[in-house]
């Protein structure tokens, strides 16, 4: 999964969280006040899944979203 672009990885992780939490997309859409069609589009890449939406969906799954900033490569000693 690490070979995927970041947005695809995020979508895959959110879909996995929904599966593991056994929460339907219809229930998530209802609780977040979005149409099931739009939620489906966010989870399949036809619409942009923002970090805010991902955080809301994950919250319903009993999870939270954490971001980390790391350098791509270790810095050499100067």
C-alpha atoms as a PDB file:
ATOM      1  CA  UNK A   1       0.000   0.000   0.000  1.00  0.00           C
ATOM      2  CA  UNK A   2       2.958   2.349   0.497  1.00  0.00           C
ATOM      3  CA  UNK A   3       3.493   2.482  -3.276  1.00  0.00           C
ATOM      4  CA  UNK A   4       0.112   4.197  -3.692  1.00  0.00           C
ATOM      5  CA  UNK A   5      -0.259   7.980  -3.744  1.00  0.00           C
ATOM      6  CA  UNK A   6      -1.109   9.472  -0.340  1.00  0.00           C
ATOM      7  CA  UNK A   7      -4.759  10.150  -1.210  1.00  0.00           C
ATOM      8  CA  UNK A   8      -5.268   6.541  -2.335  1.00  0.00           C
ATOM      9  CA  UNK A   9      -3.654   5.255   0.882  1.00  0.00           C
ATOM     10  CA  UNK A  10      -5.939   7.470   2.957  1.00  0.00           C
ATOM     11  CA  UNK A  11      -9.030   6.203   1.119  1.00  0.00           C
ATOM     12  CA  UNK A  12      -7.924   2.596   1.584  1.00  0.00           C
ATOM     13  CA  UNK A  13      -7.351   3.119   5.306  1.00  0.00           C
ATOM     14  CA  UNK A  14     -10.750   4.787   5.756  1.00  0.00           C
ATOM     15  CA  UNK A  15     -12.508   1.975   3.854  1.00  0.00           C
ATOM     16  CA  UNK A  16     -10.665  -0.585   5.988  1.00  0.00           C
ATOM     17  CA  UNK A  17     -11.729   1.223   9.183  1.00  0.00           C
ATOM     18  CA  UNK A  18     -15.371   1.151   8.030  1.00  0.00           C
ATOM     19  CA  UNK A  19     -15.145  -2.562   7.333  1.00  0.00           C
ATOM     20  CA  UNK A  20     -13.517  -3.344  10.666  1.00  0.00           C
ATOM     21  CA  UNK A  21     -16.000  -1.171  12.580  1.00  0.00           C
ATOM     22  CA  UNK A  22     -18.893  -2.779  10.665  1.00  0.00           C
ATOM     23  CA  UNK A  23     -20.460   0.586   9.950  1.00  0.00           C
ATOM     24  CA  UNK A  24     -22.310   0.975   6.671  1.00  0.00           C
ATOM     25  CA  UNK A  25     -21.644   3.819   4.293  1.00  0.00           C
ATOM     26  CA  UNK A  26     -25.338   4.713   4.572  1.00  0.00           C
ATOM     27  CA  UNK A  27     -25.032   5.121   8.350  1.00  0.00           C
ATOM     28  CA  UNK A  28     -21.866   7.198   8.024  1.00  0.00           C
ATOM     29  CA  UNK A  29     -23.498   9.413   5.411  1.00  0.00           C
ATOM     30  CA  UNK A  30     -26.561   9.912   7.610  1.00  0.00           C
ATOM     31  CA  UNK A  31     -24.507  10.813  10.682  1.00  0.00           C
ATOM     32  CA  UNK A  32     -22.236  13.187   8.769  1.00  0.00           C
ATOM     33  CA  UNK A  33     -25.074  14.801   6.814  1.00  0.00           C
ATOM     34  CA  UNK A  34     -23.768  13.927   3.364  1.00  0.00           C
ATOM     35  CA  UNK A  35     -25.434  11.914   0.612  1.00  0.00           C
ATOM     36  CA  UNK A  36     -24.536   8.249   0.294  1.00  0.00           C
ATOM     37  CA  UNK A  37     -23.593   8.934  -3.325  1.00  0.00           C
ATOM     38  CA  UNK A  38     -21.115  11.651  -2.366  1.00  0.00           C
ATOM     39  CA  UNK A  39     -19.620   9.516   0.412  1.00  0.00           C
ATOM     40  CA  UNK A  40     -19.220   6.649  -2.026  1.00  0.00           C
ATOM     41  CA  UNK A  41     -17.512   9.002  -4.483  1.00  0.00           C
ATOM     42  CA  UNK A  42     -15.112  10.179  -1.763  1.00  0.00           C
ATOM     43  CA  UNK A  43     -14.241   6.590  -0.866  1.00  0.00           C
ATOM     44  CA  UNK A  44     -13.664   5.545  -4.476  1.00  0.00           C
ATOM     45  CA  UNK A  45     -11.712   8.598  -5.622  1.00  0.00           C
ATOM     46  CA  UNK A  46     -14.391  10.164  -7.814  1.00  0.00           C
ATOM     47  CA  UNK A  47     -14.608  13.026  -5.285  1.00  0.00           C
ATOM     48  CA  UNK A  48     -11.860  14.448  -3.101  1.00  0.00           C
ATOM     49  CA  UNK A  49     -11.613  12.934   0.400  1.00  0.00           C
ATOM     50  CA  UNK A  50     -10.377  15.801   2.561  1.00  0.00           C
ATOM     51  CA  UNK A  51      -8.628  15.275   5.858  1.00  0.00           C
ATOM     52  CA  UNK A  52     -11.668  16.809   7.566  1.00  0.00           C
ATOM     53  CA  UNK A  53     -14.030  14.249   6.019  1.00  0.00           C
ATOM     54  CA  UNK A  54     -11.582  11.403   6.734  1.00  0.00           C
ATOM     55  CA  UNK A  55     -11.350  12.530  10.355  1.00  0.00           C
ATOM     56  CA  UNK A  56     -15.149  12.556  10.666  1.00  0.00           C
ATOM     57  CA  UNK A  57     -15.529   9.096   9.151  1.00  0.00           C
ATOM     58  CA  UNK A  58     -12.751   7.652  11.290  1.00  0.00           C
ATOM     59  CA  UNK A  59     -14.292   9.220  14.391  1.00  0.00           C
ATOM     60  CA  UNK A  60     -17.468   7.245  13.743  1.00  0.00           C
ATOM     61  CA  UNK A  61     -15.282   4.130  13.598  1.00  0.00           C
ATOM     62  CA  UNK A  62     -13.812   4.898  17.012  1.00  0.00           C
ATOM     63  CA  UNK A  63     -10.496   6.031  15.541  1.00  0.00           C
ATOM     64  CA  UNK A  64      -8.666   9.313  15.154  1.00  0.00           C
ATOM     65  CA  UNK A  65      -6.519  10.729  12.405  1.00  0.00           C
ATOM     66  CA  UNK A  66      -2.933  11.648  13.231  1.00  0.00           C
ATOM     67  CA  UNK A  67      -0.479  13.245  10.838  1.00  0.00           C
ATOM     68  CA  UNK A  68       3.278  13.139  11.069  1.00  0.00           C
ATOM     69  CA  UNK A  69       5.818  15.200   9.191  1.00  0.00           C
ATOM     70  CA  UNK A  70       9.106  13.462   8.524  1.00  0.00           C
ATOM     71  CA  UNK A  71      12.051  14.193   6.279  1.00  0.00           C
ATOM     72  CA  UNK A  72      12.265  12.013   3.167  1.00  0.00           C
ATOM     73  CA  UNK A  73      15.895  11.145   3.848  1.00  0.00           C
ATOM     74  CA  UNK A  74      18.092  11.411   6.907  1.00  0.00           C
ATOM     75  CA  UNK A  75      20.182  14.559   6.839  1.00  0.00           C
ATOM     76  CA  UNK A  76      23.923  14.018   6.534  1.00  0.00           C
ATOM     77  CA  UNK A  77      26.159  15.330   9.289  1.00  0.00           C
ATOM     78  CA  UNK A  78      27.688  18.664   8.372  1.00  0.00           C
END
